[in-house]
Protein backbone atom coordinates (compact mmCIF):
# COMPACT_ATOMS: atom_id res chain seq x y z
CA MET A 1 62.64 -84.29 99.29
CA LYS A 2 62.42 -80.66 99.99
CA THR A 3 62.99 -80.04 96.40
CA ILE A 4 60.68 -82.49 95.11
CA LYS A 5 57.76 -80.79 97.08
CA ILE A 6 58.57 -77.59 95.87
CA LEU A 7 58.28 -78.67 92.35
CA PHE A 8 55.16 -80.38 92.99
CA ILE A 9 53.59 -77.10 94.45
CA LEU A 10 54.89 -75.19 91.49
CA SER A 11 53.30 -77.67 88.88
CA VAL A 12 50.06 -77.31 90.84
CA VAL A 13 50.03 -73.76 90.69
CA PHE A 14 50.96 -73.64 87.05
CA THR A 15 48.13 -75.95 86.11
CA PHE A 16 45.78 -73.86 88.11
CA SER A 17 46.79 -70.67 86.39
CA ILE A 18 46.18 -72.29 83.00
CA VAL A 19 42.80 -73.37 84.00
CA ILE A 20 41.92 -69.93 85.20
CA GLN A 21 43.05 -68.28 82.12
CA GLY A 22 41.04 -70.42 80.08
CA GLN A 23 37.93 -69.72 82.06
CA VAL A 24 38.51 -65.88 81.64
CA LYS A 25 39.10 -66.32 77.95
CA LYS A 26 35.94 -68.14 77.54
CA THR A 27 34.07 -65.47 79.77
CA ASN A 28 35.44 -62.76 77.63
CA LYS A 29 33.77 -64.35 74.45
CA VAL A 30 30.97 -62.13 73.31
CA LYS A 31 27.83 -64.00 72.13
CA ILE A 32 26.26 -62.42 69.04
CA ILE A 33 22.64 -62.67 68.95
CA LYS A 34 20.79 -62.53 65.58
CA ARG A 35 18.60 -59.44 65.26
CA LEU A 36 14.99 -60.40 64.78
CA PRO A 37 13.39 -58.01 62.06
CA SER A 38 11.51 -55.01 63.20
CA VAL A 39 7.91 -55.33 63.28
CA THR A 40 5.43 -52.10 63.00
CA TYR A 41 2.41 -52.47 65.28
CA GLN A 42 -0.69 -51.00 63.80
CA PRO A 43 -3.59 -50.58 66.40
CA LYS A 44 -6.86 -51.57 65.27
CA ILE A 45 -9.01 -48.44 64.90
CA GLU A 46 -12.74 -48.84 65.82
CA LYS A 47 -15.14 -48.16 63.06
CA LYS A 48 -17.57 -45.13 64.11
CA CYS A 49 -19.81 -42.68 62.73
CA LEU A 50 -21.27 -39.80 64.48
CA PRO A 51 -24.03 -37.32 63.78
CA MET A 52 -22.95 -33.80 62.25
CA ASP A 53 -23.92 -31.07 64.01
CA ILE A 54 -26.55 -29.66 61.35
CA LYS A 55 -27.10 -26.12 63.10
CA MET A 56 -23.43 -25.21 63.46
CA THR A 57 -22.89 -26.56 59.64
CA GLU A 58 -25.67 -24.03 58.63
CA ASP A 59 -24.02 -21.31 60.56
CA ILE A 60 -20.60 -21.75 59.16
CA LEU A 61 -22.06 -22.05 55.60
CA ARG A 62 -23.93 -18.76 56.16
CA ASN A 63 -21.02 -16.96 57.03
CA LYS A 64 -18.32 -18.53 54.62
CA ILE A 65 -20.72 -18.80 51.63
CA GLY A 66 -23.94 -17.03 52.02
CA ARG A 67 -22.51 -13.63 53.05
CA THR A 68 -19.69 -13.67 50.32
CA LEU A 69 -21.84 -15.26 47.47
CA LYS A 70 -22.61 -12.74 44.81
CA ILE A 71 -24.08 -13.21 41.32
CA TYR A 72 -24.45 -10.71 38.67
CA MET A 73 -26.15 -11.32 35.21
CA ASP A 74 -26.21 -9.01 32.19
CA LYS A 75 -26.08 -9.06 28.49
CA ASP A 76 -22.26 -8.02 28.33
CA TYR A 77 -20.89 -8.91 31.88
CA GLY A 78 -21.70 -11.26 34.28
CA PHE A 79 -19.72 -13.04 37.20
CA VAL A 80 -20.09 -15.46 40.29
CA GLU A 81 -18.10 -14.48 43.32
CA MET A 82 -17.59 -16.39 46.41
CA MET A 83 -15.01 -16.74 49.35
CA GLY A 84 -12.74 -14.18 47.41
CA GLU A 85 -12.88 -16.12 44.12
CA LYS A 86 -14.45 -14.55 41.15
CA LYS A 87 -15.46 -16.35 37.88
CA ASN A 88 -16.90 -14.09 34.87
CA VAL A 89 -19.92 -15.48 33.09
CA ASN A 90 -21.15 -14.84 29.65
CA PHE A 91 -24.99 -15.66 29.85
CA GLY A 92 -25.37 -14.73 26.15
CA GLU A 93 -28.58 -14.01 24.06
CA VAL A 94 -31.22 -15.77 22.04
CA LYS A 95 -32.47 -14.72 18.75
CA LEU A 96 -35.78 -15.33 17.40
CA ARG A 97 -36.40 -15.37 13.61
CA LYS A 98 -39.47 -13.36 13.10
CA ALA A 99 -41.07 -12.23 9.81
CA GLY A 100 -39.24 -9.00 8.69
CA HIS A 101 -36.72 -8.64 11.49
CA ASN A 102 -35.16 -11.09 14.37
CA TRP A 103 -35.72 -10.29 18.00
CA VAL A 104 -33.07 -10.69 20.46
CA TYR A 105 -33.47 -11.36 24.24
CA PHE A 106 -30.87 -11.02 27.09
CA LEU A 107 -30.50 -10.46 30.59
CA ASN A 108 -30.45 -7.19 32.10
CA ASP A 109 -28.68 -5.99 35.30
CA VAL A 110 -29.84 -8.91 37.48
CA GLU A 111 -27.90 -8.67 40.73
CA SER A 112 -28.08 -11.09 43.74
CA GLU A 113 -29.32 -9.57 46.96
CA VAL A 114 -29.41 -11.89 49.86
CA THR A 115 -28.54 -15.47 50.37
CA ARG A 116 -30.53 -17.89 52.97
CA VAL A 117 -29.03 -21.31 54.16
CA LYS A 118 -31.05 -24.27 55.23
CA TYR A 119 -30.82 -28.07 55.71
CA ASP A 120 -33.57 -30.02 53.85
CA GLY A 121 -33.11 -33.33 55.50
CA GLU A 122 -30.54 -34.41 52.90
CA HIS A 123 -28.80 -31.53 51.34
CA PHE A 124 -27.80 -27.91 52.41
CA VAL A 125 -29.90 -25.56 50.22
CA LEU A 126 -28.50 -21.78 49.47
CA THR A 127 -31.49 -19.55 48.43
CA VAL A 128 -30.23 -16.58 46.62
CA SER A 129 -32.87 -13.84 46.13
CA PHE A 130 -32.21 -11.01 43.61
CA GLU A 131 -33.21 -7.51 43.31
CA SER A 132 -36.54 -6.99 41.25
CA ASN A 133 -36.39 -3.71 39.38
CA GLY A 134 -38.57 -4.42 36.54
CA ASN A 135 -37.83 -6.09 33.36
CA GLU A 136 -34.75 -8.65 34.13
CA ILE A 137 -34.91 -9.95 30.50
CA LYS A 138 -35.02 -7.34 27.74
CA GLY A 139 -36.06 -7.73 24.23
CA ARG A 140 -35.21 -5.82 21.12
CA CYS A 141 -35.55 -5.74 17.57
CA PRO A 142 -32.16 -4.61 16.20
CA GLY A 143 -33.38 -4.24 12.54
CA CYS A 144 -36.43 -2.23 13.37
CA LYS A 145 -36.25 1.29 12.34
CA VAL A 146 -38.81 2.33 14.82
CA GLY A 147 -39.59 1.02 18.23
CA LYS A 148 -36.50 -1.28 18.72
CA ASP A 149 -37.42 -1.91 22.23
CA LYS A 150 -41.34 -2.17 21.94
CA ARG A 151 -41.50 -4.44 18.99
CA ALA A 152 -39.92 -7.17 21.17
CA PRO A 153 -41.85 -7.30 24.37
CA ASP A 154 -39.85 -7.39 27.56
CA ILE A 155 -39.90 -10.53 30.03
CA ASN A 156 -40.29 -10.04 33.79
CA TRP A 157 -38.69 -12.56 36.31
CA GLU A 158 -41.14 -12.39 39.21
CA LYS A 159 -39.77 -13.26 42.62
CA PRO A 160 -36.31 -13.99 41.03
CA LYS A 161 -34.54 -16.71 42.91
CA LEU A 162 -31.85 -19.30 42.59
CA GLN A 163 -31.61 -22.56 44.68
CA ILE A 164 -28.09 -24.14 44.85
CA VAL A 165 -28.07 -27.32 46.29
CA LEU A 166 -24.79 -28.44 48.27
CA LYS A 167 -23.74 -31.79 49.39
CA PRO A 168 -21.04 -32.45 52.00
CA MET A 169 -17.91 -34.73 50.83
CA ALA A 170 -15.06 -35.95 52.88
CA TYR A 171 -11.79 -33.98 52.37
CA ASN A 172 -8.51 -33.66 54.16
CA ASN A 173 -9.57 -35.53 57.36
CA SER A 174 -12.52 -32.98 57.52
CA PHE A 175 -15.28 -32.11 55.03
CA THR A 176 -16.09 -29.77 52.17
CA PHE A 177 -19.12 -29.39 49.82
CA ASP A 178 -19.76 -30.23 46.25
CA VAL A 179 -22.59 -28.61 44.21
CA VAL A 180 -25.19 -31.16 42.94
CA GLY A 181 -27.76 -28.74 41.48
CA VAL A 182 -29.05 -25.50 40.70
CA ALA A 183 -32.68 -24.52 40.32
CA MET A 184 -34.25 -21.32 38.93
CA LEU A 185 -37.28 -20.18 40.96
CA GLY A 186 -40.00 -17.68 40.23
CA LYS A 187 -41.91 -17.02 37.25
CA LEU A 188 -41.17 -15.49 33.81
CA LYS A 189 -44.03 -13.33 32.44
CA LEU A 190 -44.15 -11.73 29.28
CA ASN A 191 -45.14 -8.08 29.17
CA GLY A 192 -47.27 -8.01 26.35
CA PRO A 193 -49.86 -10.41 24.21
CA THR A 194 -49.04 -14.02 24.78
CA GLN A 195 -46.95 -15.37 21.77
CA LYS A 196 -46.18 -18.76 20.69
CA PHE A 197 -42.55 -18.24 20.91
CA PHE A 198 -42.45 -17.46 24.43
CA PRO A 199 -42.18 -21.09 25.99
CA SER A 200 -39.04 -21.43 23.96
CA ILE A 201 -37.51 -18.17 25.18
CA ALA A 202 -38.42 -19.02 28.98
CA LYS A 203 -36.49 -22.57 28.39
CA PHE A 204 -33.31 -20.86 26.93
CA PHE A 205 -32.85 -18.41 29.90
CA LYS A 206 -33.78 -21.14 32.43
CA ASP A 207 -31.43 -23.71 30.99
CA ALA A 208 -28.43 -20.93 30.51
CA ILE A 209 -28.86 -19.57 33.87
CA THR A 210 -29.01 -22.64 35.94
CA ARG A 211 -26.33 -24.41 33.88
CA LYS A 212 -23.81 -21.64 33.93
CA VAL A 213 -24.30 -20.84 37.64
CA LYS A 214 -23.89 -24.37 38.70
CA HIS A 215 -20.57 -24.72 36.47
CA ARG A 216 -19.06 -21.49 38.09
CA ILE A 217 -19.98 -22.45 41.49
CA TYR A 218 -18.53 -26.07 41.04
CA GLU A 219 -15.42 -24.39 39.52
CA ILE A 220 -15.09 -22.25 42.65
CA LEU A 221 -15.81 -24.99 45.21
CA SER A 222 -13.35 -27.45 43.23
CA LYS A 223 -10.43 -25.12 43.75
CA PRO A 224 -7.90 -26.68 46.31
CA THR A 225 -7.39 -23.47 48.02
CA ILE A 226 -11.26 -23.24 48.62
CA LYS A 227 -11.55 -26.87 49.67
CA ASN A 228 -8.88 -26.65 52.05
CA MET A 229 -10.22 -23.44 53.53
CA MET A 230 -13.70 -25.33 53.99
CA ALA A 231 -11.95 -28.42 55.49
CA ASN A 232 -10.00 -26.25 57.83
CA THR A 233 -13.22 -24.26 58.73
CA PHE A 234 -15.14 -27.44 59.94
CA LYS A 235 -12.15 -29.22 61.62
CA PRO A 236 -12.91 -27.85 65.12
CA MET A 237 -16.53 -28.96 64.81
CA VAL A 238 -15.29 -32.46 63.64
CA LYS A 239 -12.99 -32.45 66.71
CA ARG A 240 -15.79 -31.44 69.13
CA ILE A 241 -18.14 -33.96 67.75
CA GLY A 242 -15.52 -36.84 68.64
CA ILE A 243 -14.17 -37.83 65.16
CA LYS A 244 -10.39 -37.78 64.82
CA TYR A 245 -10.31 -38.22 61.04
CA VAL A 246 -13.16 -37.98 58.53
CA LYS A 247 -12.89 -40.52 55.82
CA GLY A 248 -16.50 -41.06 54.83
CA ILE A 249 -19.98 -39.41 54.97
CA ASP A 250 -23.03 -41.50 55.51
CA PHE A 251 -26.36 -40.37 54.57
CA THR A 252 -29.11 -42.15 56.37
CA GLY A 253 -32.55 -40.87 56.78
CA ASN A 254 -32.47 -37.44 57.20
CA ARG A 255 -29.33 -37.47 59.11
CA ILE A 256 -25.79 -36.98 58.13
CA TYR A 257 -23.01 -38.94 59.92
CA LEU A 258 -19.26 -38.31 59.79
CA CYS A 259 -17.27 -41.48 59.76
CA ASN A 260 -13.78 -42.33 60.37
CA TYR A 261 -13.53 -44.93 57.42
CA PRO A 262 -14.42 -44.89 53.67
CA ILE A 263 -18.20 -45.05 52.60
CA LYS A 264 -18.93 -47.14 49.63
CA LYS A 265 -21.21 -45.21 47.14
């Protein structure tokens, strides 16, 4: 009887241990959870445009461009220099067919003196004044045996000036400038009797000067090094205004707005 009780107790203990081991094994099983694909959250950016600081922009243009801009125009050599970049320009000459001998006209030692910067309500305008030392456009008669300089009367460019029109454009989370126009100011005056050929001479030099100066300034402002220099110069002002990244520029009325989203043209 005592033996039977012992066997019964041992069987109960053995059964209980098996149950416990089974529970432990079940507990040790690691449940694999399928990983969900990662999702990148893009916070919604509020579109906004804030007005440009016109006065500060004028000051920066005056220091960066106005004080470094030099233009020199001559028959054999000319250049446009700005912000350390220099581009040579050949302004050329114009020949007139005259009875007996041809006349030749060309720019003579015309050098820039000072540049002023002003916002006109839509664009930033650089007004370049030149030294006025007499006859800026010389006339010659190469085939004349006597009076080569006197036969072809010189032309005086009175109050010589050029206006260079700049327009801001978004660039590298800031902004830089593009040249959209060049105008020749002042009056061309013939030093001698009025001649029927004078309008064509005046038109030649007006077209040559404005076209070639515009092209060279456009070349300089389009260089990546210059564009980055300008954009980095304006970044502190952009940050102070409250625009983190400039993606577009809006022109409304006589105000310019820096925007954090692209502006459709």
